[in-house]
C-alpha atoms as a PDB file:
ATOM      1  CA  MET A   1      11.201 -29.923  -1.750  1.00  0.00           C
ATOM      2  CA  ILE A   2       8.013 -28.705   0.636  1.00  0.00           C
ATOM      3  CA  ARG A   3       8.720 -27.712   4.017  1.00  0.00           C
ATOM      4  CA  LEU A   4       8.085 -25.460   7.034  1.00  0.00           C
ATOM      5  CA  ALA A   5       9.075 -22.440   6.491  1.00  0.00           C
ATOM      6  CA  THR A   6      12.284 -20.904   8.307  1.00  0.00           C
ATOM      7  CA  HIS A   7      13.240 -17.788   9.354  1.00  0.00           C
ATOM      8  CA  GLN A   8      16.138 -17.602   6.744  1.00  0.00           C
ATOM      9  CA  ASP A   9      12.882 -17.603   3.848  1.00  0.00           C
ATOM     10  CA  ILE A  10      11.082 -14.626   5.369  1.00  0.00           C
ATOM     11  CA  ASP A  11      13.272 -12.146   2.979  1.00  0.00           C
ATOM     12  CA  ALA A  12      12.371 -15.064   0.318  1.00  0.00           C
ATOM     13  CA  VAL A  13       8.825 -14.789   1.003  1.00  0.00           C
ATOM     14  CA  GLU A  14       8.253 -11.511   1.487  1.00  0.00           C
ATOM     15  CA  ASN A  15      10.071 -10.887  -1.471  1.00  0.00           C
ATOM     16  CA  SER A  16       7.420 -13.261  -3.626  1.00  0.00           C
ATOM     17  CA  TYR A  17       4.713 -10.852  -2.232  1.00  0.00           C
ATOM     18  CA  LEU A  18       6.352  -7.621  -3.239  1.00  0.00           C
ATOM     19  CA  ARG A  19       7.076  -8.909  -6.873  1.00  0.00           C
ATOM     20  CA  LEU A  20       3.280 -10.504  -7.301  1.00  0.00           C
ATOM     21  CA  LEU A  21       1.993  -6.913  -5.939  1.00  0.00           C
ATOM     22  CA  ALA A  22       3.944  -5.349  -8.791  1.00  0.00           C
ATOM     23  CA  HIS A  23       3.467  -7.289 -11.319  1.00  0.00           C
ATOM     24  CA  GLU A  24      -0.513  -6.880 -10.725  1.00  0.00           C
ATOM     25  CA  ALA A  25      -0.127  -3.536 -10.651  1.00  0.00           C
ATOM     26  CA  ALA A  26       1.687  -2.999 -13.873  1.00  0.00           C
ATOM     27  CA  THR A  27      -0.533  -5.611 -15.709  1.00  0.00           C
ATOM     28  CA  GLN A  28      -3.830  -7.266 -14.552  1.00  0.00           C
ATOM     29  CA  SER A  29      -4.413  -8.381 -10.826  1.00  0.00           C
ATOM     30  CA  TYR A  30      -5.565 -11.318  -9.937  1.00  0.00           C
ATOM     31  CA  THR A  31      -5.648 -11.146  -6.166  1.00  0.00           C
ATOM     32  CA  ASN A  32      -7.595  -8.097  -5.418  1.00  0.00           C
ATOM     33  CA  TRP A  33      -4.289  -8.396  -2.508  1.00  0.00           C
ATOM     34  CA  LYS A  34      -3.322  -4.313  -1.828  1.00  0.00           C
ATOM     35  CA  PRO A  35       0.525  -3.951  -1.141  1.00  0.00           C
ATOM     36  CA  GLY A  36       0.900  -2.719   2.327  1.00  0.00           C
ATOM     37  CA  ILE A  37      -2.372  -4.403   3.224  1.00  0.00           C
ATOM     38  CA  TYR A  38      -2.233  -8.238   2.513  1.00  0.00           C
ATOM     39  CA  PRO A  39       0.173  -9.898   1.692  1.00  0.00           C
ATOM     40  CA  VAL A  40       2.586  -8.188   4.052  1.00  0.00           C
ATOM     41  CA  ARG A  41       5.967  -9.437   5.989  1.00  0.00           C
ATOM     42  CA  ARG A  42       3.784  -9.742   9.057  1.00  0.00           C
ATOM     43  CA  ASP A  43       1.714 -12.315   7.406  1.00  0.00           C
ATOM     44  CA  ALA A  44       4.585 -14.401   6.658  1.00  0.00           C
ATOM     45  CA  GLU A  45       6.458 -13.969   9.973  1.00  0.00           C
ATOM     46  CA  THR A  46       2.759 -14.549  11.952  1.00  0.00           C
ATOM     47  CA  ALA A  47       2.778 -17.944  10.053  1.00  0.00           C
ATOM     48  CA  LEU A  48       6.504 -18.880  10.762  1.00  0.00           C
ATOM     49  CA  ALA A  49       5.586 -18.548  14.444  1.00  0.00           C
ATOM     50  CA  LYS A  50       2.753 -20.870  14.460  1.00  0.00           C
ATOM     51  CA  GLY A  51       4.004 -23.079  12.464  1.00  0.00           C
ATOM     52  CA  THR A  52       1.847 -22.818   9.698  1.00  0.00           C
ATOM     53  CA  LEU A  53       3.917 -21.304   7.241  1.00  0.00           C
ATOM     54  CA  TYR A  54       5.047 -23.902   4.608  1.00  0.00           C
ATOM     55  CA  VAL A  55       7.875 -23.434   1.436  1.00  0.00           C
ATOM     56  CA  LEU A  56       8.792 -24.673  -1.331  1.00  0.00           C
ATOM     57  CA  GLU A  57      12.044 -24.882  -2.233  1.00  0.00           C
ATOM     58  CA  GLU A  58      14.201 -25.627  -5.659  1.00  0.00           C
ATOM     59  CA  SER A  59      17.863 -25.736  -6.005  1.00  0.00           C
ATOM     60  CA  GLY A  60      18.130 -23.497  -2.937  1.00  0.00           C
ATOM     61  CA  GLN A  61      15.699 -20.899  -3.880  1.00  0.00           C
ATOM     62  CA  VAL A  62      12.229 -20.346  -2.307  1.00  0.00           C
ATOM     63  CA  CYS A  63       9.420 -21.023  -5.189  1.00  0.00           C
ATOM     64  CA  ALA A  64       5.979 -20.256  -3.701  1.00  0.00           C
ATOM     65  CA  SER A  65       5.060 -20.456  -0.169  1.00  0.00           C
ATOM     66  CA  MET A  66       1.989 -21.068   1.433  1.00  0.00           C
ATOM     67  CA  ILE A  67      -0.062 -20.786   5.295  1.00  0.00           C
ATOM     68  CA  LEU A  68      -1.747 -23.927   6.242  1.00  0.00           C
ATOM     69  CA  ASN A  69      -3.991 -23.958   8.910  1.00  0.00           C
ATOM     70  CA  GLN A  70      -7.532 -25.079  10.196  1.00  0.00           C
ATOM     71  CA  HIS A  71      -8.380 -20.690  10.413  1.00  0.00           C
ATOM     72  CA  GLN A  72     -12.315 -20.073   8.962  1.00  0.00           C
ATOM     73  CA  ALA A  73     -13.200 -16.737   8.652  1.00  0.00           C
ATOM     74  CA  GLU A  74     -16.790 -15.933   9.739  1.00  0.00           C
ATOM     75  CA  ALA A  75     -17.718 -16.300   6.452  1.00  0.00           C
ATOM     76  CA  TYR A  76     -17.447 -20.181   6.116  1.00  0.00           C
ATOM     77  CA  ALA A  77     -19.824 -20.844   8.691  1.00  0.00           C
ATOM     78  CA  GLU A  78     -22.871 -19.675   6.141  1.00  0.00           C
ATOM     79  CA  MET A  79     -21.964 -21.806   3.164  1.00  0.00           C
ATOM     80  CA  PRO A  80     -23.544 -24.553   2.016  1.00  0.00           C
ATOM     81  CA  TRP A  81     -20.930 -26.873   2.160  1.00  0.00           C
ATOM     82  CA  GLN A  82     -21.126 -30.169   0.309  1.00  0.00           C
ATOM     83  CA  TYR A  83     -18.172 -32.148   2.639  1.00  0.00           C
ATOM     84  CA  PRO A  84     -19.594 -31.448   6.394  1.00  0.00           C
ATOM     85  CA  ALA A  85     -16.826 -31.481   8.799  1.00  0.00           C
ATOM     86  CA  GLU A  86     -15.864 -30.652  12.521  1.00  0.00           C
ATOM     87  CA  PRO A  87     -13.635 -27.675  13.118  1.00  0.00           C
ATOM     88  CA  GLN A  88     -10.540 -30.391  13.614  1.00  0.00           C
ATOM     89  CA  GLN A  89     -11.061 -31.719  10.335  1.00  0.00           C
ATOM     90  CA  VAL A  90     -11.356 -29.074   8.427  1.00  0.00           C
ATOM     91  CA  LEU A  91      -7.529 -27.682   6.878  1.00  0.00           C
ATOM     92  CA  VAL A  92      -7.415 -24.688   5.312  1.00  0.00           C
ATOM     93  CA  ILE A  93      -4.978 -23.182   2.703  1.00  0.00           C
ATOM     94  CA  HIS A  94      -4.157 -19.348   2.493  1.00  0.00           C
ATOM     95  CA  THR A  95      -2.179 -16.869   0.687  1.00  0.00           C
ATOM     96  CA  LEU A  96      -0.927 -19.522  -1.483  1.00  0.00           C
ATOM     97  CA  THR A  97       1.674 -17.064  -3.748  1.00  0.00           C
ATOM     98  CA  MET A  98       4.688 -17.401  -5.778  1.00  0.00           C
ATOM     99  CA  ALA A  99       6.505 -14.518  -7.782  1.00  0.00           C
ATOM    100  CA  PRO A 100       5.083 -13.941 -11.314  1.00  0.00           C
ATOM    101  CA  GLU A 101       8.613 -15.700 -12.591  1.00  0.00           C
ATOM    102  CA  MET A 102       7.708 -18.692 -10.850  1.00  0.00           C
ATOM    103  CA  SER A 103       4.110 -19.070 -12.635  1.00  0.00           C
ATOM    104  CA  GLY A 104       3.661 -21.787 -15.019  1.00  0.00           C
ATOM    105  CA  LYS A 105       6.205 -24.762 -13.100  1.00  0.00           C
ATOM    106  CA  GLY A 106       3.364 -26.783 -11.720  1.00  0.00           C
ATOM    107  CA  TYR A 107       4.362 -25.216  -8.317  1.00  0.00           C
ATOM    108  CA  GLY A 108       0.715 -24.188  -7.544  1.00  0.00           C
ATOM    109  CA  THR A 109      -0.091 -27.818  -8.219  1.00  0.00           C
ATOM    110  CA  GLN A 110       2.667 -29.443  -5.586  1.00  0.00           C
ATOM    111  CA  MET A 111       1.532 -27.179  -3.350  1.00  0.00           C
ATOM    112  CA  VAL A 112      -2.037 -28.276  -3.353  1.00  0.00           C
ATOM    113  CA  LEU A 113      -0.919 -32.064  -3.324  1.00  0.00           C
ATOM    114  CA  PHE A 114       1.529 -30.940  -0.379  1.00  0.00           C
ATOM    115  CA  ALA A 115      -1.787 -29.153   1.701  1.00  0.00           C
ATOM    116  CA  LYS A 116      -4.190 -32.958   0.668  1.00  0.00           C
ATOM    117  CA  GLU A 117      -1.582 -35.187   1.853  1.00  0.00           C
ATOM    118  CA  GLU A 118      -0.951 -32.865   4.479  1.00  0.00           C
ATOM    119  CA  ALA A 119      -4.539 -32.999   5.559  1.00  0.00           C
ATOM    120  CA  ARG A 120      -4.490 -36.887   5.761  1.00  0.00           C
ATOM    121  CA  ARG A 121      -1.497 -36.865   7.648  1.00  0.00           C
ATOM    122  CA  ARG A 122      -3.666 -34.210  10.558  1.00  0.00           C
ATOM    123  CA  GLY A 123      -6.983 -36.876  10.044  1.00  0.00           C
ATOM    124  CA  CYS A 124      -8.707 -34.116   7.998  1.00  0.00           C
ATOM    125  CA  LYS A 125     -10.979 -34.857   5.651  1.00  0.00           C
ATOM    126  CA  VAL A 126     -11.525 -32.021   3.962  1.00  0.00           C
ATOM    127  CA  ILE A 127      -9.287 -28.536   2.458  1.00  0.00           C
ATOM    128  CA  ARG A 128     -11.133 -25.522   2.411  1.00  0.00           C
ATOM    129  CA  LEU A 129      -9.921 -22.292   0.952  1.00  0.00           C
ATOM    130  CA  ASP A 130     -11.524 -19.122  -0.233  1.00  0.00           C
ATOM    131  CA  THR A 131     -10.150 -16.962  -4.050  1.00  0.00           C
ATOM    132  CA  TYR A 132     -11.370 -13.868  -5.302  1.00  0.00           C
ATOM    133  CA  GLU A 133     -13.869 -14.109  -7.517  1.00  0.00           C
ATOM    134  CA  GLY A 134     -11.517 -12.484 -10.482  1.00  0.00           C
ATOM    135  CA  ASN A 135      -8.374 -14.815  -9.304  1.00  0.00           C
ATOM    136  CA  LEU A 136      -9.043 -17.377 -12.830  1.00  0.00           C
ATOM    137  CA  PRO A 137      -5.641 -18.969 -12.634  1.00  0.00           C
ATOM    138  CA  ALA A 138      -6.413 -20.193  -8.954  1.00  0.00           C
ATOM    139  CA  GLN A 139      -9.971 -21.248  -9.823  1.00  0.00           C
ATOM    140  CA  ARG A 140      -8.204 -23.011 -12.551  1.00  0.00           C
ATOM    141  CA  LEU A 141      -5.631 -24.836 -10.716  1.00  0.00           C
ATOM    142  CA  TYR A 142      -8.243 -25.744  -8.004  1.00  0.00           C
ATOM    143  CA  GLY A 143     -10.658 -26.890 -10.191  1.00  0.00           C
ATOM    144  CA  LYS A 144      -8.312 -29.432 -11.485  1.00  0.00           C
ATOM    145  CA  LEU A 145      -7.201 -30.614  -8.515  1.00  0.00           C
ATOM    146  CA  GLY A 146     -10.602 -31.612  -7.031  1.00  0.00           C
ATOM    147  CA  PHE A 147     -11.960 -28.698  -5.541  1.00  0.00           C
ATOM    148  CA  ARG A 148     -16.099 -27.334  -6.262  1.00  0.00           C
ATOM    149  CA  VAL A 149     -17.277 -24.045  -5.341  1.00  0.00           C
ATOM    150  CA  ALA A 150     -19.460 -24.096  -2.643  1.00  0.00           C
ATOM    151  CA  GLY A 151     -20.390 -20.501  -2.369  1.00  0.00           C
ATOM    152  CA  ARG A 152     -19.826 -17.218  -2.749  1.00  0.00           C
ATOM    153  CA  LYS A 153     -19.809 -14.221  -0.682  1.00  0.00           C
ATOM    154  CA  LEU A 154     -19.072  -9.901  -0.439  1.00  0.00           C
ATOM    155  CA  VAL A 155     -16.434 -10.148   2.226  1.00  0.00           C
ATOM    156  CA  SER A 156     -15.096  -6.617   3.925  1.00  0.00           C
ATOM    157  CA  HIS A 157     -11.188  -7.353   4.395  1.00  0.00           C
ATOM    158  CA  HIS A 158     -10.728  -5.296   8.027  1.00  0.00           C
ATOM    159  CA  GLY A 159     -13.038  -2.764   6.888  1.00  0.00           C
ATOM    160  CA  LEU A 160     -10.361  -0.815   3.855  1.00  0.00           C
ATOM    161  CA  PHE A 161     -12.112  -2.687   1.029  1.00  0.00           C
ATOM    162  CA  ASP A 162     -14.401  -5.246  -0.021  1.00  0.00           C
ATOM    163  CA  SER A 163     -14.366  -7.823  -2.333  1.00  0.00           C
ATOM    164  CA  GLU A 164     -16.545 -10.740  -3.688  1.00  0.00           C
ATOM    165  CA  LEU A 165     -14.811 -14.230  -2.251  1.00  0.00           C
ATOM    166  CA  PHE A 166     -15.938 -17.781  -4.091  1.00  0.00           C
ATOM    167  CA  TYR A 167     -15.695 -20.455  -1.349  1.00  0.00           C
ATOM    168  CA  LEU A 168     -14.294 -23.558  -2.199  1.00  0.00           C
ATOM    169  CA  GLU A 169     -13.965 -27.545  -1.008  1.00  0.00           C
ATOM    170  CA  CYS A 170     -12.106 -30.325  -1.707  1.00  0.00           C
ATOM    171  CA  ASP A 171     -12.325 -33.989   0.005  1.00  0.00           C
ATOM    172  CA  VAL A 172      -8.747 -35.045   0.856  1.00  0.00           C
ATOM    173  CA  ASN A 173      -9.883 -38.382  -0.222  1.00  0.00           C
ATOM    174  CA  THR A 174     -10.034 -37.437  -4.040  1.00  0.00           C
END
């Protein structure tokens, strides 16, 4: 079941961030996220307070999380989007995350399909997101679910580190 997160979910969400980052530090990093910088507990708490943090729960366990809102970073304005939409017609997926042991179970697909349904429910025309150029699993997932790459850009994350990001979009009716 996918639902809005509650205060009781914050520890589990933070734990999934920490487990993913530790796994990437020990193996291969796909996300380019940085321990202690992003994502951190405060990101989940802020999204919870805004009512934008969602979790996928199965058998009482939080298996995945994401933030859904309409915030498009500055670089979004520079992309040659194929699906034009007013800001209020765009839903943005941020920080779709699951711990490594949860990958490969279809949770990412479920979360994205939920985001599409939520976008339609809100009257949005399009979903947009960005992902690190090296995040091949995410790129495969989004491609499989009808997203296309609109562009790419080197961006600075709060002046702490730079990343080459792909910007993707999907018409919610496809």
